[in-house]
Each structure stands twice: as structure tokens, then as C-alpha cells.
């Protein structure tokens, strides 16, 4: 399955023009090392929401899951969740979940592309990432403290600062990209997607890919659930 793009009538900001051109030739193999998700997996969607017109003024919406959650506690994630029967596909689910989790006004969001479904074995989900531009940003907040501890608009320049980037080595043997910003550790599914999109969009600044840190050691320091959502 390849990337599905929005129609030509949708305005694309300069920030995302190059990324959308590149995504036209992207397949699942370019996005993740995980196998194709099984049909039996429950469908879900996440909203990869960027505001701004270029890297200098852009940000991305992320949330930190509550420490009381049974799985993925304390992990940083894109807003999103499982598709409900009344949702209008992945876009509808991603927007609904983002409203429920962050309080944003979905009318200001412009969906631009649907990425291929990605496999999330620990959760049993097949997740469709929805790339969108926040044309008219609205206030965001923690709506339900039982689900989220923080909701943040993270500046891209800060996230992609070489001083904030490194790699995590998992006990199973794989190594995946990670970011640390404003006390948040971004890794797993979210960190992998952000690293992939940044590379495809040409946003990357040279960083030390040889800075590889032990996953368990880093997670003990942050108090994060050691179970990743997925590795991209």
C-alpha cells in the first residue's frame, strides 16, 4: 500500500510541499522495518499535525500519556486511537481522538495524506498515520488527566536540534531514533515516524547517529513504560 494524497484543491504550506512530493514514491518498506499488519488487527489512526510555514516557525502536536495507563504509560505520542463505527475512516478517527485528547478545534485542521497502515504488535493495532497541517491553530490542553499528563506543541527546530537527538538500543537487538525535548522522551512509533518524516522532508540537520544509548537505562531515568508502540 502506498501513500494516499489529498486532492489538488487542498492548500499545502511550504513546510510540507517537499515532504508530500517525496511521499508519492514512498512505500511501507520506506517507513518501517515491521511486517505488514495482519487484517485481524484492530484499525486505528494517529494525527501527525504540523503548524507553520517553514521549519523555523513550525511545531508538531504531541501528548504524554498518563503514568496511570495500563500500557504505554508515560510515553509521548501523536493524538489518536482506534476507529469507531461512526468515524469517517482514519481521518475522522484521528480528528475525533485529537479533539477528545487535546481539545483542539478540528475545523482548523487540513488533512493532507494518509500513510500506509503500520503494524503495532504490542497493542494489536494497524495504525494509519494521517499527515495534516494546522491551518488555524486553536488552544490545546489536557482534557482527561487519566489519559494524558501533558499536551504540547513542540517546535520543530527544538525537536530536530542535533543536541536533542540520539538512538536507543533495545534488548532485542534493534536500534531506533529518539529525541528529548522539554523533559519529554520521544521514541518508539512516534520517534520513528518523526525521524522518517524529517529525513524525507529534508528537515534534518547533521546529528550524531553514533550516540547510541541503552533503552532500559534511559527509561529507568524517565519512569517510562518500557513497552514500545512500534519501531519505525
Protein backbone atom coordinates (compact mmCIF):
# COMPACT_ATOMS: atom_id res chain seq x y z
CA UNK A 1 0.00 0.00 0.00
CA UNK A 2 1.35 3.43 -0.92
CA UNK A 3 0.66 6.90 0.42
CA UNK A 4 -2.75 8.39 -0.41
CA UNK A 5 -2.58 12.14 -1.00
CA UNK A 6 -5.21 14.83 -0.62
CA UNK A 7 -6.69 16.42 -3.73
CA UNK A 8 -5.05 19.34 -5.58
CA UNK A 9 -7.63 21.76 -4.18
CA UNK A 10 -6.07 21.48 -0.70
CA UNK A 11 -3.54 24.22 0.05
CA UNK A 12 -0.16 22.80 1.06
CA UNK A 13 2.16 25.08 3.07
CA UNK A 14 5.83 25.37 2.01
CA UNK A 15 6.78 23.39 5.14
CA UNK A 16 5.14 20.24 3.77
CA UNK A 17 5.43 20.66 -0.02
CA UNK A 18 8.70 18.76 -0.33
CA UNK A 19 7.52 16.04 2.02
CA UNK A 20 4.32 15.45 0.03
CA UNK A 21 6.28 15.22 -3.23
CA UNK A 22 8.60 12.65 -1.68
CA UNK A 23 5.74 10.68 -0.15
CA UNK A 24 4.28 9.98 -3.58
CA UNK A 25 7.04 7.41 -4.08
CA UNK A 26 7.11 6.01 -0.55
CA UNK A 27 6.04 2.50 0.42
CA UNK A 28 5.70 0.77 3.77
CA UNK A 29 9.26 -0.51 3.46
CA UNK A 30 10.44 3.12 3.47
CA UNK A 31 8.51 3.89 6.64
CA UNK A 32 9.08 0.92 8.89
CA UNK A 33 11.02 -2.31 9.31
CA UNK A 34 7.94 -4.03 10.75
CA UNK A 35 5.95 -6.52 8.72
CA UNK A 36 2.61 -5.70 7.09
CA UNK A 37 -0.10 -5.60 9.78
CA UNK A 38 -2.48 -8.56 9.85
CA UNK A 39 -6.03 -7.97 8.68
CA UNK A 40 -7.24 -9.19 12.07
CA UNK A 41 -5.52 -6.28 13.84
CA UNK A 42 -7.86 -3.52 15.00
CA UNK A 43 -7.73 -0.40 12.80
CA UNK A 44 -6.55 2.84 14.39
CA UNK A 45 -5.25 6.24 13.31
CA UNK A 46 -2.92 8.94 14.61
CA UNK A 47 -2.84 12.62 13.70
CA UNK A 48 0.59 13.94 12.70
CA UNK A 49 -0.31 17.62 12.96
CA UNK A 50 2.16 20.31 11.93
CA UNK A 51 1.60 24.07 12.07
CA UNK A 52 3.63 26.85 10.49
CA UNK A 53 5.01 27.59 7.05
CA UNK A 54 8.67 26.56 7.36
CA UNK A 55 10.92 24.73 9.80
CA UNK A 56 11.81 27.94 11.63
CA UNK A 57 8.23 28.62 12.77
CA UNK A 58 6.74 25.12 12.68
CA UNK A 59 5.66 22.86 15.52
CA UNK A 60 4.15 19.41 15.96
CA UNK A 61 1.39 18.41 18.37
CA UNK A 62 2.34 15.67 20.84
CA UNK A 63 0.97 14.37 24.11
CA UNK A 64 2.48 12.47 27.02
CA UNK A 65 0.35 9.55 28.16
CA UNK A 66 -0.66 9.44 31.81
CA UNK A 67 1.53 7.36 34.11
CA UNK A 68 -1.58 5.54 35.34
CA UNK A 69 -2.36 3.97 31.95
CA UNK A 70 -2.08 0.18 31.74
CA UNK A 71 0.09 0.25 28.60
CA UNK A 72 2.49 2.83 27.14
CA UNK A 73 2.30 4.84 30.37
CA UNK A 74 4.40 7.99 30.24
CA UNK A 75 5.15 7.60 26.54
CA UNK A 76 4.98 10.52 24.13
CA UNK A 77 2.58 10.01 21.23
CA UNK A 78 0.64 11.63 18.44
CA UNK A 79 -3.04 12.10 19.28
CA UNK A 80 -5.02 9.12 18.04
CA UNK A 81 -6.74 5.85 18.79
CA UNK A 82 -8.95 3.07 17.48
CA UNK A 83 -11.53 3.64 14.76
CA UNK A 84 -15.12 3.74 15.99
CA UNK A 85 -18.10 2.63 13.86
CA UNK A 86 -19.25 6.24 13.40
CA UNK A 87 -15.87 7.55 12.22
CA UNK A 88 -15.35 8.66 8.64
CA UNK A 89 -12.34 6.38 8.18
CA UNK A 90 -8.85 7.11 9.54
CA UNK A 91 -9.18 10.87 9.06
CA UNK A 92 -12.39 11.00 11.07
CA UNK A 93 -10.92 8.83 13.81
CA UNK A 94 -7.70 10.86 14.04
CA UNK A 95 -9.58 14.16 14.26
CA UNK A 96 -12.09 12.84 16.80
CA UNK A 97 -9.37 11.41 19.03
CA UNK A 98 -7.35 14.63 18.78
CA UNK A 99 -10.39 16.65 19.87
CA UNK A 100 -11.05 14.28 22.76
CA UNK A 101 -7.42 14.18 23.92
CA UNK A 102 -6.25 17.76 23.34
CA UNK A 103 -9.40 19.88 22.95
CA UNK A 104 -8.31 21.24 19.56
CA UNK A 105 -10.85 22.63 17.09
CA UNK A 106 -10.78 20.16 14.19
CA UNK A 107 -12.22 22.72 11.76
CA UNK A 108 -8.78 24.36 11.60
CA UNK A 109 -7.03 21.13 10.57
CA UNK A 110 -6.33 20.30 6.90
CA UNK A 111 -5.64 16.57 6.27
CA UNK A 112 -3.06 16.15 3.50
CA UNK A 113 -2.10 12.48 3.23
CA UNK A 114 -2.74 9.00 4.60
CA UNK A 115 0.38 6.93 5.09
CA UNK A 116 0.36 3.12 4.77
CA UNK A 117 -1.02 1.16 7.70
CA UNK A 118 1.73 0.32 10.18
CA UNK A 119 1.87 -2.68 12.48
CA UNK A 120 1.76 -2.11 16.26
CA UNK A 121 2.15 -5.62 17.72
CA UNK A 122 2.08 -4.75 21.45
CA UNK A 123 -1.31 -3.05 21.08
CA UNK A 124 -2.73 -5.28 18.35
CA UNK A 125 -3.45 -2.28 16.12
CA UNK A 126 -2.88 -1.47 12.45
CA UNK A 127 -2.36 2.26 12.52
CA UNK A 128 -2.89 4.73 9.68
CA UNK A 129 -0.86 7.92 10.21
CA UNK A 130 -2.75 10.98 8.97
CA UNK A 131 -0.48 13.84 7.92
CA UNK A 132 -2.16 17.21 8.40
CA UNK A 133 -1.50 20.94 8.51
CA UNK A 134 -2.86 23.09 11.33
CA UNK A 135 -4.07 25.96 9.18
CA UNK A 136 -5.89 27.67 12.07
CA UNK A 137 -4.36 26.56 15.37
CA UNK A 138 -6.60 26.55 18.42
CA UNK A 139 -5.81 26.24 22.13
CA UNK A 140 -4.93 22.75 23.36
CA UNK A 141 -4.85 21.26 26.83
CA UNK A 142 -5.06 18.03 28.80
CA UNK A 143 -8.74 17.10 28.55
CA UNK A 144 -8.66 13.90 30.64
CA UNK A 145 -5.81 13.54 33.17
CA UNK A 146 -6.46 9.79 33.24
CA UNK A 147 -5.29 9.61 29.62
CA UNK A 148 -2.71 12.38 29.21
CA UNK A 149 -0.26 14.10 31.53
CA UNK A 150 0.83 16.78 29.04
CA UNK A 151 -0.23 18.18 25.68
CA UNK A 152 2.46 20.19 23.92
CA UNK A 153 3.18 21.97 20.66
CA UNK A 154 6.85 21.14 20.16
CA UNK A 155 8.85 23.50 17.89
CA UNK A 156 10.46 21.54 15.06
CA UNK A 157 13.76 23.40 15.36
CA UNK A 158 13.99 22.36 19.00
CA UNK A 159 12.98 18.76 18.33
CA UNK A 160 15.48 18.45 15.46
CA UNK A 161 18.33 20.19 17.28
CA UNK A 162 21.28 17.76 16.98
CA UNK A 163 21.83 18.12 20.73
CA UNK A 164 18.37 16.60 21.31
CA UNK A 165 18.79 13.55 19.05
CA UNK A 166 20.29 10.11 19.70
CA UNK A 167 19.48 6.43 19.20
CA UNK A 168 18.13 3.84 21.60
CA UNK A 169 19.34 0.25 21.66
CA UNK A 170 16.64 -2.25 22.60
CA UNK A 171 17.44 -5.53 24.42
CA UNK A 172 16.00 -7.43 21.43
CA UNK A 173 18.78 -6.01 19.27
CA UNK A 174 17.22 -3.23 17.23
CA UNK A 175 18.28 0.42 17.35
CA UNK A 176 15.77 3.23 16.83
CA UNK A 177 15.84 7.05 16.72
CA UNK A 178 14.86 9.11 19.72
CA UNK A 179 14.50 12.75 20.74
CA UNK A 180 14.47 14.53 24.08
CA UNK A 181 12.89 17.95 24.45
CA UNK A 182 11.43 19.87 27.38
CA UNK A 183 11.60 16.83 29.64
CA UNK A 184 9.90 14.55 27.09
CA UNK A 185 11.46 11.40 25.65
CA UNK A 186 10.13 10.78 22.13
CA UNK A 187 10.86 7.26 20.84
CA UNK A 188 9.20 4.07 19.54
CA UNK A 189 6.41 4.54 17.00
CA UNK A 190 6.29 8.33 17.39
CA UNK A 191 10.05 8.88 17.36
CA UNK A 192 10.49 6.60 14.37
CA UNK A 193 7.80 8.35 12.33
CA UNK A 194 9.14 11.81 13.17
CA UNK A 195 12.66 10.79 12.22
CA UNK A 196 11.44 9.27 8.94
CA UNK A 197 9.33 12.31 8.01
CA UNK A 198 12.16 14.70 8.86
CA UNK A 199 14.56 12.78 6.65
CA UNK A 200 12.10 12.57 3.75
CA UNK A 201 11.23 16.27 4.05
CA UNK A 202 14.85 17.40 4.13
CA UNK A 203 14.47 18.97 7.58
CA UNK A 204 17.39 17.08 9.14
CA UNK A 205 20.49 18.79 10.44
CA UNK A 206 23.60 16.62 10.86
CA UNK A 207 23.46 14.78 14.19
CA UNK A 208 25.49 12.11 15.94
CA UNK A 209 23.94 8.82 14.83
CA UNK A 210 26.71 7.08 16.76
CA UNK A 211 25.25 8.30 20.06
CA UNK A 212 23.52 5.03 20.99
CA UNK A 213 22.06 4.74 24.48
CA UNK A 214 20.69 1.73 26.33
CA UNK A 215 16.88 1.74 26.24
CA UNK A 216 16.31 0.27 29.69
CA UNK A 217 18.76 2.71 31.29
CA UNK A 218 17.11 5.73 29.66
CA UNK A 219 13.61 4.53 30.57
CA UNK A 220 14.52 3.96 34.20
CA UNK A 221 15.66 7.56 34.38
CA UNK A 222 12.42 8.86 32.88
CA UNK A 223 9.98 6.43 34.51
CA UNK A 224 8.55 5.49 31.11
CA UNK A 225 6.77 2.24 30.24
CA UNK A 226 9.45 0.05 28.57
CA UNK A 227 6.95 -1.42 26.08
CA UNK A 228 7.29 0.43 22.76
CA UNK A 229 4.35 1.07 20.48
CA UNK A 230 6.32 0.07 17.38
CA UNK A 231 9.73 0.65 15.86
CA UNK A 232 9.92 2.61 12.65
